Amino acid sequence: MARLESEITKAKEGRKRLLKLFAQGVDLSEDEVRQSLQELKEKEAELTKQWQELKRSLQSRKPTRYRPNLLREAVEYYLQKGKAELTFDDKQELIRHVVREIRVYEDRIDIYTF
C-alpha cells in the first residue's frame, strides 16, 4: 500500500510540475501538455483503483487469533465438506487459518502453524 501511495503522489506531483513548466513558458506545445496530463491522470486513477482493491482485500481478511484447537477445527471442516466440495477459495482460507509462516530454503521447506 505504501508503494502505491508513493506512486500516486508522484503522479500528482508530475501533473503539477508539468503545469508549472507550461505556465512558465517552457517550449511545450499545448497538445503535448494535454497528452501528458491525460496519461498522468490515467496512471493516477489506475493506481488509486489498485490501492482501493488492496485496502478492501486487507480489510476483508479476519485477523486470526491463536486457539489451541484451531488445527482440529480445520481438519473437521475439511473432512465435513469433503475434498470435492471445497473451492479454491475455501482451501486458501483454510490454509491461512492454520499456517502462520512458510520458509523456503534450498534443501527444505519449513511450515509454521499457529
N, C-alpha and C. Protein backbone atom coordinates (compact mmCIF):
# COMPACT_ATOMS: atom_id res chain seq x y z
N MET A 1 0.83 -1.19 0.00
CA MET A 1 0.00 0.00 0.00
C MET A 1 0.87 1.25 0.00
N ALA A 2 1.97 1.20 0.74
CA ALA A 2 2.86 2.36 0.80
C ALA A 2 3.46 2.65 -0.57
N ARG A 3 3.81 1.60 -1.31
CA ARG A 3 4.38 1.79 -2.65
C ARG A 3 3.35 2.43 -3.57
N LEU A 4 2.11 1.96 -3.51
CA LEU A 4 1.06 2.54 -4.35
C LEU A 4 0.80 3.99 -3.97
N GLU A 5 0.78 4.29 -2.67
CA GLU A 5 0.57 5.68 -2.23
C GLU A 5 1.69 6.57 -2.76
N SER A 6 2.91 6.06 -2.73
CA SER A 6 4.05 6.82 -3.23
C SER A 6 3.92 7.09 -4.73
N GLU A 7 3.50 6.08 -5.48
CA GLU A 7 3.32 6.23 -6.92
C GLU A 7 2.19 7.21 -7.25
N ILE A 8 1.12 7.18 -6.46
CA ILE A 8 0.01 8.12 -6.65
C ILE A 8 0.50 9.54 -6.42
N THR A 9 1.27 9.74 -5.36
CA THR A 9 1.81 11.05 -5.06
C THR A 9 2.73 11.53 -6.18
N LYS A 10 3.55 10.64 -6.73
CA LYS A 10 4.44 11.01 -7.83
C LYS A 10 3.65 11.44 -9.06
N ALA A 11 2.56 10.75 -9.34
CA ALA A 11 1.74 11.12 -10.49
C ALA A 11 1.11 12.50 -10.29
N LYS A 12 0.62 12.76 -9.08
CA LYS A 12 0.04 14.08 -8.80
C LYS A 12 1.08 15.18 -8.93
N GLU A 13 2.26 14.92 -8.36
CA GLU A 13 3.34 15.91 -8.44
C GLU A 13 3.80 16.12 -9.88
N GLY A 14 3.79 15.05 -10.67
CA GLY A 14 4.16 15.16 -12.08
C GLY A 14 3.21 16.07 -12.84
N ARG A 15 1.93 15.96 -12.54
CA ARG A 15 0.95 16.84 -13.19
C ARG A 15 1.19 18.29 -12.79
N LYS A 16 1.45 18.53 -11.51
CA LYS A 16 1.70 19.89 -11.04
C LYS A 16 2.95 20.48 -11.70
N ARG A 17 4.02 19.67 -11.78
CA ARG A 17 5.27 20.15 -12.40
C ARG A 17 5.05 20.48 -13.87
N LEU A 18 4.30 19.64 -14.54
CA LEU A 18 4.03 19.86 -15.96
C LEU A 18 3.26 21.16 -16.18
N LEU A 19 2.25 21.40 -15.34
CA LEU A 19 1.50 22.66 -15.45
C LEU A 19 2.37 23.88 -15.13
N LYS A 20 3.27 23.75 -14.16
CA LYS A 20 4.19 24.86 -13.83
C LYS A 20 5.10 25.17 -15.01
N LEU A 21 5.64 24.11 -15.62
CA LEU A 21 6.52 24.32 -16.77
C LEU A 21 5.78 25.01 -17.90
N PHE A 22 4.56 24.58 -18.16
CA PHE A 22 3.77 25.19 -19.23
C PHE A 22 3.47 26.65 -18.90
N ALA A 23 3.15 26.91 -17.62
CA ALA A 23 2.85 28.28 -17.20
C ALA A 23 4.08 29.18 -17.29
N GLN A 24 5.26 28.60 -17.11
CA GLN A 24 6.49 29.39 -17.17
C GLN A 24 6.95 29.63 -18.60
N GLY A 25 6.25 29.08 -19.54
CA GLY A 25 6.57 29.33 -20.94
C GLY A 25 7.64 28.42 -21.52
N VAL A 26 7.89 27.29 -20.87
CA VAL A 26 8.84 26.32 -21.43
C VAL A 26 8.30 25.84 -22.77
N ASP A 27 9.19 25.55 -23.68
CA ASP A 27 8.82 25.20 -25.05
C ASP A 27 8.11 23.85 -25.11
N LEU A 28 6.82 23.86 -24.76
CA LEU A 28 5.97 22.68 -24.84
C LEU A 28 4.69 23.07 -25.56
N SER A 29 4.26 22.23 -26.48
CA SER A 29 3.02 22.54 -27.17
C SER A 29 1.83 22.19 -26.28
N GLU A 30 0.73 22.81 -26.57
CA GLU A 30 -0.48 22.57 -25.78
C GLU A 30 -0.92 21.11 -25.90
N ASP A 31 -0.78 20.53 -27.09
CA ASP A 31 -1.16 19.13 -27.29
C ASP A 31 -0.29 18.18 -26.48
N GLU A 32 1.02 18.48 -26.43
CA GLU A 32 1.93 17.65 -25.63
C GLU A 32 1.54 17.70 -24.16
N VAL A 33 1.22 18.87 -23.68
CA VAL A 33 0.84 19.04 -22.28
C VAL A 33 -0.46 18.29 -22.00
N ARG A 34 -1.44 18.44 -22.88
CA ARG A 34 -2.72 17.73 -22.70
C ARG A 34 -2.52 16.23 -22.67
N GLN A 35 -1.73 15.72 -23.61
CA GLN A 35 -1.50 14.28 -23.68
C GLN A 35 -0.77 13.79 -22.42
N SER A 36 0.24 14.51 -21.98
CA SER A 36 0.99 14.12 -20.78
C SER A 36 0.11 14.18 -19.54
N LEU A 37 -0.71 15.21 -19.45
CA LEU A 37 -1.63 15.33 -18.31
C LEU A 37 -2.63 14.18 -18.29
N GLN A 38 -3.14 13.83 -19.48
CA GLN A 38 -4.09 12.72 -19.57
C GLN A 38 -3.44 11.41 -19.15
N GLU A 39 -2.22 11.16 -19.60
CA GLU A 39 -1.51 9.94 -19.23
C GLU A 39 -1.27 9.87 -17.72
N LEU A 40 -0.86 11.00 -17.13
CA LEU A 40 -0.64 11.03 -15.68
C LEU A 40 -1.94 10.83 -14.91
N LYS A 41 -3.02 11.41 -15.42
CA LYS A 41 -4.32 11.26 -14.77
C LYS A 41 -4.78 9.81 -14.83
N GLU A 42 -4.62 9.16 -15.97
CA GLU A 42 -5.00 7.76 -16.11
C GLU A 42 -4.16 6.86 -15.20
N LYS A 43 -2.86 7.17 -15.13
CA LYS A 43 -1.97 6.40 -14.26
C LYS A 43 -2.40 6.55 -12.80
N GLU A 44 -2.71 7.77 -12.40
CA GLU A 44 -3.16 8.03 -11.04
C GLU A 44 -4.46 7.29 -10.74
N ALA A 45 -5.39 7.30 -11.69
CA ALA A 45 -6.67 6.61 -11.50
C ALA A 45 -6.46 5.11 -11.35
N GLU A 46 -5.60 4.53 -12.17
CA GLU A 46 -5.32 3.08 -12.10
C GLU A 46 -4.65 2.73 -10.78
N LEU A 47 -3.69 3.53 -10.35
CA LEU A 47 -3.02 3.28 -9.07
C LEU A 47 -3.99 3.41 -7.90
N THR A 48 -4.86 4.39 -7.97
CA THR A 48 -5.86 4.59 -6.91
C THR A 48 -6.81 3.39 -6.86
N LYS A 49 -7.19 2.88 -8.02
CA LYS A 49 -8.06 1.70 -8.08
C LYS A 49 -7.36 0.50 -7.45
N GLN A 50 -6.08 0.29 -7.78
CA GLN A 50 -5.32 -0.81 -7.20
C GLN A 50 -5.21 -0.66 -5.67
N TRP A 51 -4.98 0.57 -5.22
CA TRP A 51 -4.86 0.84 -3.79
C TRP A 51 -6.17 0.51 -3.07
N GLN A 52 -7.29 0.92 -3.65
CA GLN A 52 -8.60 0.65 -3.04
C GLN A 52 -8.90 -0.85 -3.01
N GLU A 53 -8.55 -1.56 -4.08
CA GLU A 53 -8.76 -3.01 -4.11
C GLU A 53 -7.91 -3.71 -3.04
N LEU A 54 -6.68 -3.27 -2.90
CA LEU A 54 -5.79 -3.85 -1.89
C LEU A 54 -6.32 -3.55 -0.49
N LYS A 55 -6.79 -2.34 -0.28
CA LYS A 55 -7.34 -1.97 1.03
C LYS A 55 -8.56 -2.83 1.36
N ARG A 56 -9.46 -3.00 0.39
CA ARG A 56 -10.65 -3.85 0.60
C ARG A 56 -10.24 -5.28 0.91
N SER A 57 -9.25 -5.76 0.19
CA SER A 57 -8.78 -7.13 0.40
C SER A 57 -8.22 -7.31 1.80
N LEU A 58 -7.44 -6.35 2.24
CA LEU A 58 -6.85 -6.43 3.59
C LEU A 58 -7.91 -6.29 4.67
N GLN A 59 -8.91 -5.46 4.44
CA GLN A 59 -9.97 -5.28 5.44
C GLN A 59 -10.87 -6.50 5.53
N SER A 60 -11.01 -7.21 4.41
CA SER A 60 -11.91 -8.37 4.41
C SER A 60 -11.29 -9.57 5.14
N ARG A 61 -9.99 -9.56 5.26
CA ARG A 61 -9.34 -10.65 5.99
C ARG A 61 -9.61 -10.48 7.48
N LYS A 62 -10.00 -11.56 8.07
CA LYS A 62 -10.25 -11.53 9.50
C LYS A 62 -8.95 -11.84 10.22
N PRO A 63 -8.62 -11.09 11.25
CA PRO A 63 -7.40 -11.41 11.98
C PRO A 63 -7.52 -12.79 12.63
N THR A 64 -6.50 -13.57 12.48
CA THR A 64 -6.51 -14.92 13.02
C THR A 64 -5.96 -14.90 14.43
N ARG A 65 -6.75 -15.38 15.35
CA ARG A 65 -6.30 -15.49 16.73
C ARG A 65 -5.84 -16.91 16.96
N TYR A 66 -4.84 -17.05 17.80
CA TYR A 66 -4.35 -18.37 18.13
C TYR A 66 -5.35 -19.05 19.06
N ARG A 67 -5.69 -20.25 18.70
CA ARG A 67 -6.53 -21.07 19.57
C ARG A 67 -5.95 -22.48 19.51
N PRO A 68 -5.82 -23.13 20.64
CA PRO A 68 -5.20 -24.46 20.65
C PRO A 68 -5.92 -25.47 19.77
N ASN A 69 -7.21 -25.33 19.60
CA ASN A 69 -7.94 -26.33 18.82
C ASN A 69 -8.18 -25.91 17.37
N LEU A 70 -7.45 -24.91 16.91
CA LEU A 70 -7.63 -24.39 15.55
C LEU A 70 -7.35 -25.46 14.49
N LEU A 71 -6.27 -26.21 14.67
CA LEU A 71 -5.93 -27.25 13.70
C LEU A 71 -7.01 -28.33 13.66
N ARG A 72 -7.50 -28.70 14.81
CA ARG A 72 -8.56 -29.71 14.88
C ARG A 72 -9.82 -29.22 14.16
N GLU A 73 -10.18 -27.95 14.38
CA GLU A 73 -11.36 -27.39 13.72
C GLU A 73 -11.18 -27.37 12.21
N ALA A 74 -9.97 -27.05 11.75
CA ALA A 74 -9.69 -27.01 10.32
C ALA A 74 -9.83 -28.41 9.71
N VAL A 75 -9.30 -29.40 10.38
CA VAL A 75 -9.39 -30.77 9.89
C VAL A 75 -10.84 -31.22 9.86
N GLU A 76 -11.60 -30.91 10.89
CA GLU A 76 -13.02 -31.29 10.93
C GLU A 76 -13.79 -30.62 9.79
N TYR A 77 -13.50 -29.36 9.54
CA TYR A 77 -14.16 -28.63 8.46
C TYR A 77 -13.83 -29.29 7.12
N TYR A 78 -12.56 -29.62 6.92
CA TYR A 78 -12.12 -30.25 5.67
C TYR A 78 -12.82 -31.60 5.48
N LEU A 79 -12.86 -32.40 6.53
CA LEU A 79 -13.48 -33.71 6.43
C LEU A 79 -14.99 -33.62 6.26
N GLN A 80 -15.60 -32.62 6.90
CA GLN A 80 -17.05 -32.44 6.81
C GLN A 80 -17.46 -32.02 5.39
N LYS A 81 -16.73 -31.08 4.80
CA LYS A 81 -17.07 -30.58 3.47
C LYS A 81 -16.78 -31.60 2.38
N GLY A 82 -15.74 -32.36 2.56
CA GLY A 82 -15.35 -33.31 1.51
C GLY A 82 -14.43 -32.63 0.52
N LYS A 83 -13.45 -33.34 0.09
CA LYS A 83 -12.42 -32.78 -0.79
C LYS A 83 -13.00 -32.19 -2.07
N ALA A 84 -14.00 -32.86 -2.64
CA ALA A 84 -14.57 -32.41 -3.91
C ALA A 84 -15.41 -31.15 -3.76
N GLU A 85 -15.96 -30.92 -2.58
CA GLU A 85 -16.84 -29.76 -2.38
C GLU A 85 -16.09 -28.47 -2.11
N LEU A 86 -14.85 -28.55 -1.68
CA LEU A 86 -14.10 -27.34 -1.33
C LEU A 86 -13.67 -26.59 -2.59
N THR A 87 -13.94 -25.32 -2.61
CA THR A 87 -13.48 -24.48 -3.71
C THR A 87 -12.05 -24.07 -3.43
N PHE A 88 -11.42 -23.47 -4.42
CA PHE A 88 -10.06 -22.97 -4.24
C PHE A 88 -10.01 -21.95 -3.11
N ASP A 89 -11.02 -21.06 -3.06
CA ASP A 89 -11.07 -20.05 -2.00
C ASP A 89 -11.23 -20.68 -0.62
N ASP A 90 -12.03 -21.74 -0.53
CA ASP A 90 -12.18 -22.45 0.75
C ASP A 90 -10.83 -23.00 1.21
N LYS A 91 -10.14 -23.63 0.28
CA LYS A 91 -8.84 -24.22 0.61
C LYS A 91 -7.83 -23.14 1.02
N GLN A 92 -7.84 -22.05 0.31
CA GLN A 92 -6.93 -20.95 0.60
C GLN A 92 -7.21 -20.37 1.99
N GLU A 93 -8.47 -20.17 2.31
CA GLU A 93 -8.86 -19.64 3.61
C GLU A 93 -8.50 -20.61 4.72
N LEU A 94 -8.68 -21.86 4.48
CA LEU A 94 -8.35 -22.90 5.45
C LEU A 94 -6.85 -22.88 5.76
N ILE A 95 -6.04 -22.79 4.73
CA ILE A 95 -4.59 -22.73 4.92
C ILE A 95 -4.20 -21.47 5.67
N ARG A 96 -4.82 -20.34 5.35
CA ARG A 96 -4.49 -19.08 6.04
C ARG A 96 -4.82 -19.13 7.53
N HIS A 97 -5.80 -19.92 7.90
CA HIS A 97 -6.15 -20.03 9.31
C HIS A 97 -5.21 -20.96 10.07
N VAL A 98 -4.57 -21.84 9.38
CA VAL A 98 -3.72 -22.84 10.04
C VAL A 98 -2.23 -22.50 9.93
N VAL A 99 -1.79 -22.03 8.77
CA VAL A 99 -0.37 -21.78 8.53
C VAL A 99 -0.03 -20.33 8.87
N ARG A 100 0.96 -20.17 9.73
CA ARG A 100 1.40 -18.83 10.12
C ARG A 100 2.49 -18.32 9.19
N GLU A 101 3.43 -19.22 8.81
CA GLU A 101 4.57 -18.79 8.01
C GLU A 101 5.16 -19.99 7.27
N ILE A 102 5.66 -19.72 6.06
CA ILE A 102 6.34 -20.73 5.27
C ILE A 102 7.70 -20.17 4.89
N ARG A 103 8.75 -20.92 5.19
CA ARG A 103 10.11 -20.52 4.83
C ARG A 103 10.67 -21.54 3.85
N VAL A 104 11.16 -21.05 2.72
CA VAL A 104 11.68 -21.93 1.68
C VAL A 104 13.20 -21.77 1.63
N TYR A 105 13.89 -22.90 1.76
CA TYR A 105 15.35 -22.94 1.68
C TYR A 105 15.73 -23.78 0.47
N GLU A 106 17.02 -23.83 0.17
CA GLU A 106 17.47 -24.62 -0.98
C GLU A 106 17.17 -26.11 -0.80
N ASP A 107 17.33 -26.61 0.42
CA ASP A 107 17.20 -28.04 0.64
C ASP A 107 15.97 -28.47 1.43
N ARG A 108 15.15 -27.50 1.89
CA ARG A 108 13.95 -27.87 2.66
C ARG A 108 12.95 -26.73 2.67
N ILE A 109 11.76 -27.05 3.13
CA ILE A 109 10.70 -26.07 3.33
C ILE A 109 10.19 -26.24 4.75
N ASP A 110 10.16 -25.14 5.51
CA ASP A 110 9.63 -25.17 6.88
C ASP A 110 8.26 -24.50 6.90
N ILE A 111 7.27 -25.17 7.48
CA ILE A 111 5.93 -24.63 7.59
C ILE A 111 5.61 -24.48 9.06
N TYR A 112 5.29 -23.25 9.47
CA TYR A 112 4.98 -22.96 10.87
C TYR A 112 3.48 -22.72 11.01
N THR A 113 2.86 -23.40 11.94
CA THR A 113 1.44 -23.24 12.18
C THR A 113 1.23 -22.40 13.42
N PHE A 114 -0.01 -22.04 13.67
CA PHE A 114 -0.35 -21.25 14.86
C PHE A 114 -0.34 -22.12 16.08
